[in-house]
Amino acid sequence: MKDKLVIFDTTLRDGEQSPGASMTREEKVRIAKALERLKVDVIEAGFPAASDGDFESVQAVANIIKDSTVCGLARALDKDIDRAGDALKGAARARIHTFIATSPIHMQMKLKMQPEQVIEYAVRAVKRARQYTDDVEFSPEDAGRSDEDFLCRILEAVIDAGATTLNIPDTVGYSIPQQFGATIANLIKRIPNSDKAIFSVHCHNDLGLAVANSLSAVMNGARQVECTINGLGERAGNASLEEVVMAVRTRQDVFSCQTTVDTREIVTCSKLVSSITGFPVQPNKAIVGANAFAHESGIHQDGVLKNRETYEIMRAEDVGWSANRMVLGKHSGRNAFKSRLTELGFEFTSEAELNEAFTRFKELADKKHEIFDEDLQALVSEGGLESEDENIKLIALKVCSETGEIPNATVTVQVGHQELTGSSKGGGAVDASLKAIESLVQSNASLELYSVNSINGGTDAQGEVTVRLEKAGRIVNGLGADTDIVIASAKAYINAVNKLKMPEHRQHPQKGDV
């Protein structure tokens, strides 16, 4: 039998560190359930010591996930370890992932510690984590720029202390495949007790090599890969789960290991993460992009029609492209609506919540003839946005746009218990609408990104709009969906402004000094 390759998903932790990609507790639970259906081995649910909200999110995921191991991140500090242990108490299977920096520049400039002190902190953290669980992972942060001799020393020490997984992170995305693979092989060979732990890798995509580095590591003995859905993550992102999994599956002639991931759930999970975070998937993205299995060239089309394998190395059905299509319409009943959402991983906590969602579904069905799974995901996500503690709500929007005239928009919003109405002109219907909203809410934020994506085909398709606002260094994403793109834009802008007005207490795990 081939070795098992453990898939460790950190979408909820490292993926959330993407600027503006923060998720609510309910959203994290929804994604965690999707990851469980995907049969991911380990779900890193968050960094419990970062904030009370992060602690509660990890706790909620730990209490509901039964088939995957739930992991919490902790610096090599007693308070972080204890916080993670408390958050994971309800988990069927729990893991604590602790880390400390090991590169010379990090030890000197960030930690201001000597190498021997770093080893002492690492060993103590692992021993403390073992008081909560037998499944303890240790990461030497910035391993890609760390001295190999020192890595051997600290990794040998933490294995003796009880670490069962050793994760070698390329924290700044500096490595190249041949060199990174050789590093993994050398560590496994040189560390005397390396057979007592699983070696893992966590690669960042700064040079576009995260997946390549991860696969090189696997070919050199790593048996866990840390990755995210859609490659989500800070800066240029992380290794993409779908690419790693399908590379290993497709090239079993090369890899001496295999995963147990249910690849048919990949597309559904990808769309869910994209919808919740507001990070659209580019059309040419491998595996989950809209064009991943499209053929424009006549030669390619002819070849595929004669034999699929002439130009396709995997089936679209195997990653979920056709398996998740069910059409509902205005004549569909409440039970069919509920059943399909349950299959997609959405569960309602009350009849009132179901009735509210079904009402939104009927309203959408009156505008659009056919409702696809993507529409349902957007509908539920929008409902989640509206259910947040939003101080500002869109009441009415009227836009006048005609050839030769400057577009004008009149908007009514509810701010607290007060309704405000304002008007503005702009370069287009969307520009005028957003300017009118800004005149009322006065966020004083700068619009960093405006993106429109069609949720599915047809002129009656819902448009999903993402806006990114920045104010005083804080970045938030807003999301809105509607068959009218101007209304979707207004919803997205208001959603982002509401997020800006909420206090932010979360601490970035990579910025915490030991």
Protein backbone atom coordinates (compact mmCIF):
# COMPACT_ATOMS: atom_id res chain seq x y z
CA MET A 1 0.00 0.00 0.00
CA LYS A 2 1.09 3.56 -0.66
CA ASP A 3 1.79 5.98 2.19
CA LYS A 4 -0.99 8.27 3.42
CA LEU A 5 -0.43 11.94 2.58
CA VAL A 6 -2.08 14.01 5.32
CA ILE A 7 -3.92 17.10 4.04
CA PHE A 8 -3.81 19.89 6.61
CA ASP A 9 -6.13 22.76 5.66
CA THR A 10 -5.40 26.18 7.12
CA THR A 11 -8.01 28.22 5.22
CA LEU A 12 -9.65 29.25 8.50
CA ARG A 13 -6.37 30.39 10.04
CA ASP A 14 -3.71 31.38 7.51
CA GLY A 15 -6.27 31.96 4.78
CA GLU A 16 -8.07 34.42 7.03
CA GLN A 17 -4.88 36.47 7.23
CA SER A 18 -5.49 37.68 3.66
CA PRO A 19 -6.26 41.41 3.90
CA GLY A 20 -10.02 41.74 4.35
CA ALA A 21 -10.73 37.99 4.46
CA SER A 22 -11.79 37.79 8.11
CA MET A 23 -14.73 35.46 8.75
CA THR A 24 -17.43 35.33 11.38
CA ARG A 25 -17.82 32.33 13.67
CA GLU A 26 -20.82 31.09 11.69
CA GLU A 27 -18.91 31.41 8.41
CA LYS A 28 -15.97 29.47 9.84
CA VAL A 29 -18.30 26.69 10.93
CA ARG A 30 -19.84 26.51 7.45
CA ILE A 31 -16.43 26.24 5.81
CA ALA A 32 -15.28 23.69 8.41
CA LYS A 33 -18.30 21.49 7.57
CA ALA A 34 -17.44 21.75 3.88
CA LEU A 35 -13.84 20.75 4.66
CA GLU A 36 -15.12 17.80 6.66
CA ARG A 37 -17.22 16.66 3.67
CA LEU A 38 -14.08 17.08 1.56
CA LYS A 39 -12.47 14.62 4.01
CA VAL A 40 -9.61 16.92 4.92
CA ASP A 41 -7.51 15.22 7.61
CA VAL A 42 -6.74 18.28 9.75
CA ILE A 43 -8.59 21.60 9.93
CA GLU A 44 -6.60 24.45 11.48
CA ALA A 45 -9.52 26.44 12.83
CA GLY A 46 -7.70 29.54 14.06
CA PHE A 47 -5.42 31.16 16.59
CA PRO A 48 -7.36 31.07 19.90
CA ALA A 49 -5.10 33.57 21.71
CA ALA A 50 -5.60 36.22 19.00
CA SER A 51 -8.98 37.39 20.34
CA ASP A 52 -12.10 36.23 22.13
CA GLY A 53 -13.77 35.94 18.72
CA ASP A 54 -11.04 33.65 17.41
CA PHE A 55 -11.23 31.54 20.58
CA GLU A 56 -15.00 31.16 20.17
CA SER A 57 -14.63 30.28 16.49
CA VAL A 58 -12.10 27.53 17.20
CA GLN A 59 -14.30 26.28 20.02
CA ALA A 60 -17.38 26.21 17.77
CA VAL A 61 -15.54 24.28 15.05
CA ALA A 62 -14.06 21.87 17.61
CA ASN A 63 -17.51 21.16 19.05
CA ILE A 64 -19.16 20.35 15.72
CA ILE A 65 -16.51 18.57 13.60
CA LYS A 66 -16.32 14.81 14.19
CA ASP A 67 -14.47 13.27 11.23
CA SER A 68 -11.46 15.62 10.94
CA THR A 69 -8.85 16.61 13.50
CA VAL A 70 -9.35 20.21 14.66
CA CYS A 71 -6.18 22.22 15.26
CA GLY A 72 -5.46 25.48 17.08
CA LEU A 73 -2.34 27.62 16.56
CA ALA A 74 -0.27 28.86 19.50
CA ARG A 75 2.99 30.70 19.90
CA ALA A 76 5.54 29.07 22.18
CA LEU A 77 3.99 30.80 25.17
CA ASP A 78 2.22 29.21 28.12
CA LYS A 79 -0.80 31.52 27.77
CA ASP A 80 -1.19 30.67 24.07
CA ILE A 81 -0.90 26.91 24.69
CA ASP A 82 -3.48 27.04 27.49
CA ARG A 83 -5.86 29.12 25.40
CA ALA A 84 -5.62 26.65 22.53
CA GLY A 85 -6.12 23.70 24.88
CA ASP A 86 -9.26 25.28 26.34
CA ALA A 87 -10.70 26.05 22.90
CA LEU A 88 -10.19 22.46 21.74
CA LYS A 89 -11.71 20.70 24.76
CA GLY A 90 -14.83 19.66 22.85
CA ALA A 91 -13.00 18.25 19.83
CA ALA A 92 -13.36 14.58 18.90
CA ARG A 93 -9.70 14.78 17.82
CA ALA A 94 -7.60 17.79 18.81
CA ARG A 95 -4.18 19.07 17.76
CA ILE A 96 -2.16 21.98 19.11
CA HIS A 97 0.20 23.60 16.61
CA THR A 98 2.92 25.66 18.30
CA PHE A 99 5.69 27.64 16.62
CA ILE A 100 8.71 29.83 17.22
CA ALA A 101 11.05 31.54 14.75
CA THR A 102 14.40 29.89 14.01
CA SER A 103 16.06 31.98 11.29
CA PRO A 104 18.94 34.27 12.39
CA ILE A 105 17.11 37.42 11.29
CA HIS A 106 13.93 36.49 13.19
CA MET A 107 15.76 35.39 16.34
CA GLN A 108 17.87 38.54 16.41
CA MET A 109 15.48 41.21 15.17
CA LYS A 110 12.05 39.92 16.26
CA LEU A 111 12.54 37.61 19.22
CA LYS A 112 15.80 39.16 20.48
CA MET A 113 16.73 35.71 21.77
CA GLN A 114 19.77 33.45 21.60
CA PRO A 115 19.45 30.07 19.82
CA GLU A 116 19.60 28.14 23.11
CA GLN A 117 16.70 30.19 24.47
CA VAL A 118 14.67 29.43 21.35
CA ILE A 119 15.19 25.70 21.84
CA GLU A 120 14.21 26.04 25.51
CA TYR A 121 10.95 27.83 24.61
CA ALA A 122 10.13 25.30 21.90
CA VAL A 123 10.63 22.28 24.16
CA ARG A 124 8.62 23.83 26.98
CA ALA A 125 5.77 24.69 24.60
CA VAL A 126 5.58 21.15 23.24
CA LYS A 127 5.61 19.63 26.72
CA ARG A 128 2.86 21.97 27.84
CA ALA A 129 0.76 21.20 24.77
CA ARG A 130 1.09 17.48 25.54
CA GLN A 131 -0.86 18.12 28.73
CA TYR A 132 -3.91 18.80 26.52
CA THR A 133 -3.43 16.34 23.63
CA ASP A 134 -1.10 13.66 22.34
CA ASP A 135 -1.27 15.26 18.88
CA VAL A 136 1.22 18.14 18.93
CA GLU A 137 2.71 19.87 15.90
CA PHE A 138 5.77 22.10 16.00
CA SER A 139 6.87 24.64 13.38
CA PRO A 140 10.23 26.44 13.18
CA GLU A 141 9.02 29.70 11.67
CA ASP A 142 11.03 30.91 8.66
CA ALA A 143 12.66 27.49 8.30
CA GLY A 144 13.47 28.31 4.68
CA ARG A 145 16.06 30.85 5.86
CA SER A 146 17.19 28.95 8.97
CA ASP A 147 20.55 27.25 9.48
CA GLU A 148 20.14 23.53 8.78
CA ASP A 149 22.34 22.47 11.70
CA PHE A 150 20.22 24.52 14.09
CA LEU A 151 17.02 23.08 12.58
CA CYS A 152 18.32 19.57 13.25
CA ARG A 153 19.04 20.46 16.88
CA ILE A 154 15.68 22.07 17.66
CA LEU A 155 13.63 19.47 15.78
CA GLU A 156 15.38 16.58 17.54
CA ALA A 157 14.66 18.29 20.86
CA VAL A 158 10.94 18.83 20.22
CA ILE A 159 10.47 15.24 19.04
CA ASP A 160 11.98 14.10 22.35
CA ALA A 161 9.59 16.48 24.11
CA GLY A 162 6.58 14.83 22.42
CA ALA A 163 5.97 16.55 19.06
CA THR A 164 4.34 14.13 16.61
CA THR A 165 4.35 16.36 13.52
CA LEU A 166 7.21 18.61 12.41
CA ASN A 167 6.15 21.32 10.01
CA ILE A 168 8.84 22.99 7.91
CA PRO A 169 7.40 26.33 6.75
CA ASP A 170 8.72 28.45 3.91
CA THR A 171 7.28 31.44 5.74
CA VAL A 172 8.37 34.12 3.27
CA GLY A 173 8.10 32.09 0.06
CA TYR A 174 11.86 32.20 -0.53
CA SER A 175 12.57 28.57 -1.48
CA ILE A 176 12.77 26.89 -4.87
CA PRO A 177 11.64 23.28 -5.40
CA GLN A 178 14.98 21.46 -5.77
CA GLN A 179 16.52 23.21 -2.79
CA PHE A 180 13.42 22.85 -0.58
CA GLY A 181 13.04 19.16 -1.37
CA ALA A 182 16.70 18.61 -0.53
CA THR A 183 16.22 20.37 2.80
CA ILE A 184 13.38 17.99 3.75
CA ALA A 185 15.42 14.95 2.71
CA ASN A 186 18.44 16.17 4.70
CA LEU A 187 16.41 16.84 7.85
CA ILE A 188 14.81 13.39 7.76
CA LYS A 189 18.22 11.79 7.21
CA ARG A 190 20.17 13.82 9.77
CA ILE A 191 17.75 13.93 12.73
CA PRO A 192 18.29 10.72 14.75
CA ASN A 193 14.67 10.40 15.93
CA SER A 194 13.00 11.61 12.71
CA ASP A 195 11.15 8.31 12.38
CA LYS A 196 9.04 9.23 15.41
CA ALA A 197 7.31 12.17 13.69
CA ILE A 198 5.54 13.04 10.45
CA PHE A 199 7.31 15.73 8.43
CA SER A 200 5.05 18.45 7.06
CA VAL A 201 5.48 21.52 4.85
CA HIS A 202 3.75 24.89 4.75
CA CYS A 203 4.76 26.89 1.68
CA HIS A 204 3.91 30.46 0.75
CA ASN A 205 3.47 31.58 -2.83
CA ASP A 206 5.55 34.75 -3.03
CA LEU A 207 7.47 33.41 -6.03
CA GLY A 208 4.56 31.37 -7.36
CA LEU A 209 6.23 28.16 -6.17
CA ALA A 210 4.14 27.10 -3.17
CA VAL A 211 2.61 24.04 -4.82
CA ALA A 212 5.86 23.09 -6.58
CA ASN A 213 7.82 23.36 -3.33
CA SER A 214 5.20 21.32 -1.47
CA LEU A 215 5.24 18.55 -4.08
CA SER A 216 9.04 18.50 -4.11
CA ALA A 217 8.94 18.05 -0.33
CA VAL A 218 6.46 15.17 -0.68
CA MET A 219 8.78 13.47 -3.16
CA ASN A 220 11.54 13.78 -0.57
CA GLY A 221 9.67 12.28 2.36
CA ALA A 222 7.18 14.86 3.67
CA ARG A 223 3.85 13.20 4.48
CA GLN A 224 1.73 16.21 5.38
CA VAL A 225 1.04 19.28 3.27
CA GLU A 226 -0.44 22.46 4.75
CA CYS A 227 -2.56 24.26 2.21
CA THR A 228 -5.70 26.34 1.69
CA ILE A 229 -8.76 26.32 -0.54
CA ASN A 230 -8.11 28.46 -3.64
CA GLY A 231 -4.57 29.12 -2.34
CA LEU A 232 -6.01 31.77 -0.01
CA GLY A 233 -3.52 33.40 2.34
CA GLU A 234 -1.56 36.49 3.24
CA ARG A 235 0.54 38.23 0.60
CA ALA A 236 0.57 35.99 -2.50
CA GLY A 237 -1.21 33.16 -0.68
CA ASN A 238 -0.47 29.56 0.26
CA ALA A 239 -0.17 26.25 -1.54
CA SER A 240 -3.52 25.53 -3.16
CA LEU A 241 -5.20 22.44 -1.69
CA GLU A 242 -6.96 21.51 -4.91
CA GLU A 243 -3.74 21.69 -6.92
CA VAL A 244 -1.73 19.61 -4.45
CA VAL A 245 -4.43 16.96 -4.13
CA MET A 246 -5.09 16.63 -7.86
CA ALA A 247 -1.38 16.61 -8.73
CA VAL A 248 -0.82 13.67 -6.37
CA ARG A 249 -3.95 11.91 -7.62
CA THR A 250 -3.22 12.49 -11.31
CA ARG A 251 0.46 11.53 -11.12
CA GLN A 252 0.33 8.35 -9.09
CA ASP A 253 3.11 7.10 -11.36
CA VAL A 254 5.40 9.61 -9.64
CA PHE A 255 4.13 9.90 -6.08
CA SER A 256 4.48 7.04 -3.60
CA CYS A 257 1.61 8.34 -1.48
CA GLN A 258 -2.06 9.19 -1.83
CA THR A 259 -4.71 11.28 -0.08
CA THR A 260 -8.18 10.31 1.13
CA VAL A 261 -9.75 13.60 0.01
CA ASP A 262 -13.17 13.33 -1.69
CA THR A 263 -12.23 15.34 -4.75
CA ARG A 264 -15.86 15.61 -5.91
CA GLU A 265 -16.37 18.22 -3.16
CA ILE A 266 -13.54 20.48 -4.35
CA VAL A 267 -15.54 22.87 -6.56
CA THR A 268 -18.36 23.28 -4.03
CA CYS A 269 -15.84 24.06 -1.29
CA SER A 270 -13.97 26.49 -3.55
CA LYS A 271 -17.14 28.41 -4.38
CA LEU A 272 -18.15 28.56 -0.71
CA VAL A 273 -14.80 29.99 0.39
CA SER A 274 -14.83 32.49 -2.47
CA SER A 275 -18.37 33.60 -1.61
CA ILE A 276 -17.68 34.03 2.11
CA THR A 277 -14.31 35.78 1.82
CA GLY A 278 -15.14 37.91 -1.21
CA PHE A 279 -12.02 36.69 -3.01
CA PRO A 280 -13.11 35.65 -6.53
CA VAL A 281 -11.41 32.76 -8.31
CA GLN A 282 -9.75 33.84 -11.55
CA PRO A 283 -11.13 32.02 -14.62
CA ASN A 284 -7.80 30.40 -15.51
CA LYS A 285 -7.16 29.08 -11.99
CA ALA A 286 -6.13 25.42 -12.09
CA ILE A 287 -8.82 22.89 -11.11
CA VAL A 288 -11.48 25.36 -9.87
CA GLY A 289 -11.31 28.20 -12.40
CA ALA A 290 -14.25 28.58 -14.78
CA ASN A 291 -11.96 27.90 -17.76
CA ALA A 292 -10.07 24.99 -16.19
CA PHE A 293 -11.87 22.46 -18.41
CA ALA A 294 -12.88 24.77 -21.29
CA HIS A 295 -11.49 24.32 -24.80
CA GLU A 296 -11.42 27.24 -27.23
CA SER A 297 -9.01 25.90 -29.85
CA GLY A 298 -10.71 24.03 -32.68
CA ILE A 299 -7.92 21.44 -32.66
CA HIS A 300 -8.40 20.88 -28.93
CA GLN A 301 -12.18 20.66 -29.29
CA ASP A 302 -11.88 18.12 -32.07
CA GLY A 303 -9.44 16.02 -30.07
CA VAL A 304 -11.58 16.05 -26.91
CA LEU A 305 -14.67 15.04 -28.87
CA LYS A 306 -12.78 12.05 -30.30
CA ASN A 307 -11.11 11.10 -27.01
CA ARG A 308 -11.19 13.17 -23.82
CA GLU A 309 -7.67 12.14 -22.83
CA THR A 310 -6.15 13.87 -25.86
CA TYR A 311 -6.26 17.20 -24.05
CA GLU A 312 -7.62 16.50 -20.56
CA ILE A 313 -5.56 14.82 -17.85
CA MET A 314 -8.47 14.62 -15.38
CA ARG A 315 -12.25 14.63 -15.53
CA ALA A 316 -14.20 17.74 -14.60
CA GLU A 317 -16.69 15.48 -12.81
CA ASP A 318 -13.94 14.20 -10.50
CA VAL A 319 -13.49 17.62 -8.91
CA GLY A 320 -17.21 18.40 -8.75
CA TRP A 321 -17.89 20.49 -11.83
CA SER A 322 -21.03 18.65 -12.90
CA ALA A 323 -22.02 16.88 -9.71
CA ASN A 324 -23.21 20.03 -7.96
CA ARG A 325 -25.79 21.20 -10.49
CA MET A 326 -29.41 21.16 -9.39
CA VAL A 327 -31.85 23.66 -10.82
CA LEU A 328 -34.61 25.12 -8.66
CA GLY A 329 -37.24 27.62 -9.72
CA LYS A 330 -40.16 29.67 -8.47
CA HIS A 331 -42.34 26.55 -8.33
CA SER A 332 -39.87 24.67 -6.13
CA GLY A 333 -41.13 23.95 -2.66
CA ARG A 334 -39.74 24.72 0.76
CA ASN A 335 -38.64 21.12 1.31
CA ALA A 336 -36.67 20.96 -1.96
CA PHE A 337 -35.02 24.26 -1.05
CA LYS A 338 -34.09 23.06 2.43
CA SER A 339 -32.89 19.66 1.19
CA ARG A 340 -30.58 21.13 -1.42
CA LEU A 341 -29.06 23.59 1.04
CA THR A 342 -28.49 20.74 3.49
CA GLU A 343 -26.63 18.85 0.75
CA LEU A 344 -24.52 21.97 0.20
CA GLY A 345 -23.70 22.10 3.91
CA PHE A 346 -26.09 24.80 5.12
CA GLU A 347 -28.16 24.05 8.20
CA PHE A 348 -30.79 26.33 9.72
CA THR A 349 -30.90 26.85 13.46
CA SER A 350 -34.61 27.71 13.52
CA GLU A 351 -37.77 27.67 11.42
CA ALA A 352 -37.67 31.46 11.37
CA GLU A 353 -34.21 31.41 9.78
CA LEU A 354 -35.39 28.88 7.18
CA ASN A 355 -38.51 30.93 6.40
CA GLU A 356 -36.43 34.08 5.95
CA ALA A 357 -34.05 32.31 3.56
CA PHE A 358 -36.96 30.76 1.64
CA THR A 359 -38.54 34.20 1.24
CA ARG A 360 -35.30 35.54 -0.26
CA PHE A 361 -35.22 32.49 -2.54
CA LYS A 362 -38.74 33.21 -3.83
CA GLU A 363 -37.86 36.85 -4.43
CA LEU A 364 -34.82 35.77 -6.45
CA ALA A 365 -36.88 33.18 -8.36
CA ASP A 366 -39.25 35.93 -9.48
CA LYS A 367 -36.30 37.75 -11.05
CA LYS A 368 -34.48 34.77 -12.48
CA HIS A 369 -35.95 31.70 -14.19
CA GLU A 370 -33.47 29.09 -12.93
CA ILE A 371 -31.69 29.01 -9.57
CA PHE A 372 -28.40 27.11 -9.47
CA ASP A 373 -26.27 25.96 -6.55
CA GLU A 374 -24.06 29.02 -6.93
CA ASP A 375 -27.15 31.24 -6.54
CA LEU A 376 -28.11 29.39 -3.34
CA GLN A 377 -24.64 29.85 -1.89
CA ALA A 378 -24.72 33.56 -2.65
CA LEU A 379 -28.24 33.85 -1.24
CA VAL A 380 -27.29 32.23 2.07
CA SER A 381 -24.06 34.21 2.29
CA GLU A 382 -25.96 37.44 1.74
CA GLY A 383 -28.43 36.42 4.42
CA GLY A 384 -25.49 35.93 6.77
CA LEU A 385 -24.21 39.39 5.95
CA GLU A 386 -27.60 40.93 6.68
CA SER A 387 -27.86 39.06 9.97
CA GLU A 388 -24.63 40.55 11.28
CA ASP A 389 -24.81 43.47 13.71
CA GLU A 390 -24.96 45.99 10.89
CA ASN A 391 -25.61 49.57 11.79
CA ILE A 392 -26.16 50.68 8.18
CA LYS A 393 -28.73 49.12 5.84
CA LEU A 394 -29.79 49.87 2.27
CA ILE A 395 -33.43 50.92 2.07
CA ALA A 396 -33.86 52.28 -1.46
CA LEU A 397 -31.78 53.11 -4.52
CA LYS A 398 -32.81 55.04 -7.64
CA VAL A 399 -30.41 55.68 -10.52
CA CYS A 400 -30.93 57.77 -13.64
CA SER A 401 -28.48 57.02 -16.44
CA GLU A 402 -28.94 58.03 -20.08
CA THR A 403 -26.78 58.73 -23.10
CA GLY A 404 -25.25 62.22 -23.04
CA GLU A 405 -26.21 62.92 -19.43
CA ILE A 406 -24.23 62.56 -16.19
CA PRO A 407 -25.66 59.65 -14.17
CA ASN A 408 -27.35 60.57 -10.91
CA ALA A 409 -28.20 58.33 -7.96
CA THR A 410 -30.50 58.85 -4.99
CA VAL A 411 -29.98 56.52 -2.05
CA THR A 412 -31.86 55.99 1.21
CA VAL A 413 -30.05 54.16 4.00
CA GLN A 414 -30.94 53.37 7.57
CA VAL A 415 -28.26 54.35 10.06
CA GLY A 416 -29.24 53.03 13.45
CA HIS A 417 -32.89 54.01 13.79
CA GLN A 418 -32.64 56.97 11.42
CA GLU A 419 -33.31 57.03 7.68
CA LEU A 420 -31.09 59.29 5.57
CA THR A 421 -31.44 60.15 1.89
CA GLY A 422 -28.76 61.62 -0.33
CA SER A 423 -27.96 62.11 -4.01
CA SER A 424 -24.81 62.31 -6.08
CA LYS A 425 -23.62 62.40 -9.66
CA GLY A 426 -20.86 60.15 -10.94
CA GLY A 427 -19.03 58.75 -13.92
CA GLY A 428 -21.52 55.89 -14.11
CA ALA A 429 -24.46 54.37 -12.28
CA VAL A 430 -22.24 52.50 -9.83
CA ASP A 431 -19.94 55.46 -9.20
CA ALA A 432 -22.91 57.76 -8.54
CA SER A 433 -24.51 55.22 -6.18
CA LEU A 434 -21.38 54.68 -4.11
CA LYS A 435 -20.72 58.41 -3.89
CA ALA A 436 -24.29 58.97 -2.69
CA ILE A 437 -23.84 56.30 0.00
CA GLU A 438 -20.51 57.76 1.07
CA SER A 439 -22.07 61.21 1.42
CA LEU A 440 -24.41 59.70 4.03
CA VAL A 441 -22.16 57.26 5.92
CA GLN A 442 -18.95 59.37 5.72
CA SER A 443 -16.57 56.44 6.18
CA ASN A 444 -13.65 58.46 4.75
CA ALA A 445 -12.21 55.19 3.47
CA SER A 446 -10.44 54.73 0.16
CA LEU A 447 -11.80 52.24 -2.36
CA GLU A 448 -8.89 49.88 -3.10
CA LEU A 449 -10.69 47.28 -5.21
CA TYR A 450 -13.97 46.90 -7.07
CA SER A 451 -14.69 43.55 -8.67
CA VAL A 452 -17.76 42.14 -10.43
CA ASN A 453 -18.29 38.45 -11.16
CA SER A 454 -21.22 36.68 -12.73
CA ILE A 455 -22.37 33.89 -10.43
CA ASN A 456 -23.50 31.85 -13.44
CA GLY A 457 -24.42 32.29 -17.09
CA GLY A 458 -27.27 34.20 -18.72
CA THR A 459 -28.33 37.82 -18.83
CA ASP A 460 -30.47 37.26 -15.73
CA ALA A 461 -27.51 35.93 -13.73
CA GLN A 462 -26.79 37.32 -10.32
CA GLY A 463 -23.81 39.62 -10.14
CA GLU A 464 -21.52 39.23 -7.16
CA VAL A 465 -19.63 42.39 -6.26
CA THR A 466 -16.58 42.64 -4.03
CA VAL A 467 -15.27 45.97 -2.77
CA ARG A 468 -12.18 46.51 -0.66
CA LEU A 469 -11.94 49.56 1.57
CA GLU A 470 -8.87 50.83 3.41
CA LYS A 471 -8.81 53.23 6.31
CA ALA A 472 -5.85 53.99 8.58
CA GLY A 473 -4.12 50.76 7.57
CA ARG A 474 -7.16 48.56 8.15
CA ILE A 475 -8.48 46.65 5.13
CA VAL A 476 -11.94 45.08 4.81
CA ASN A 477 -13.81 43.32 2.01
CA GLY A 478 -17.49 43.86 1.37
CA LEU A 479 -19.70 41.49 -0.58
CA GLY A 480 -23.08 41.96 -2.28
CA ALA A 481 -25.14 39.94 -4.74
CA ASP A 482 -28.17 40.83 -6.84
CA THR A 483 -29.49 40.43 -10.37
CA ASP A 484 -29.07 44.23 -10.59
CA ILE A 485 -25.35 44.97 -10.54
CA VAL A 486 -25.86 48.51 -9.22
CA ILE A 487 -27.82 47.22 -6.21
CA ALA A 488 -25.20 44.51 -5.67
CA SER A 489 -22.51 47.22 -5.65
CA ALA A 490 -24.41 49.30 -3.11
CA LYS A 491 -24.86 46.25 -0.86
CA ALA A 492 -21.16 45.41 -1.08
CA TYR A 493 -20.08 48.95 -0.23
CA ILE A 494 -22.41 49.14 2.77
CA ASN A 495 -21.26 45.71 3.96
CA ALA A 496 -17.64 46.91 3.88
CA VAL A 497 -18.46 50.15 5.70
CA ASN A 498 -20.23 48.19 8.44
CA LYS A 499 -17.13 46.06 8.90
CA LEU A 500 -14.96 49.16 9.18
CA LYS A 501 -17.17 50.48 11.94
CA MET A 502 -16.82 47.27 13.98
CA PRO A 503 -13.91 47.19 16.47
CA GLU A 504 -10.98 44.97 15.53
CA HIS A 505 -9.25 43.20 18.39
CA ARG A 506 -7.66 40.33 16.51
CA GLN A 507 -3.92 39.89 16.92
CA HIS A 508 -1.94 38.71 13.90
CA PRO A 509 -0.21 35.47 14.94
CA GLN A 510 2.96 36.17 12.99
CA LYS A 511 3.38 39.56 14.65
CA GLY A 512 3.25 38.33 18.23
CA ASP A 513 6.60 38.64 19.97
CA VAL A 514 7.64 35.76 22.24
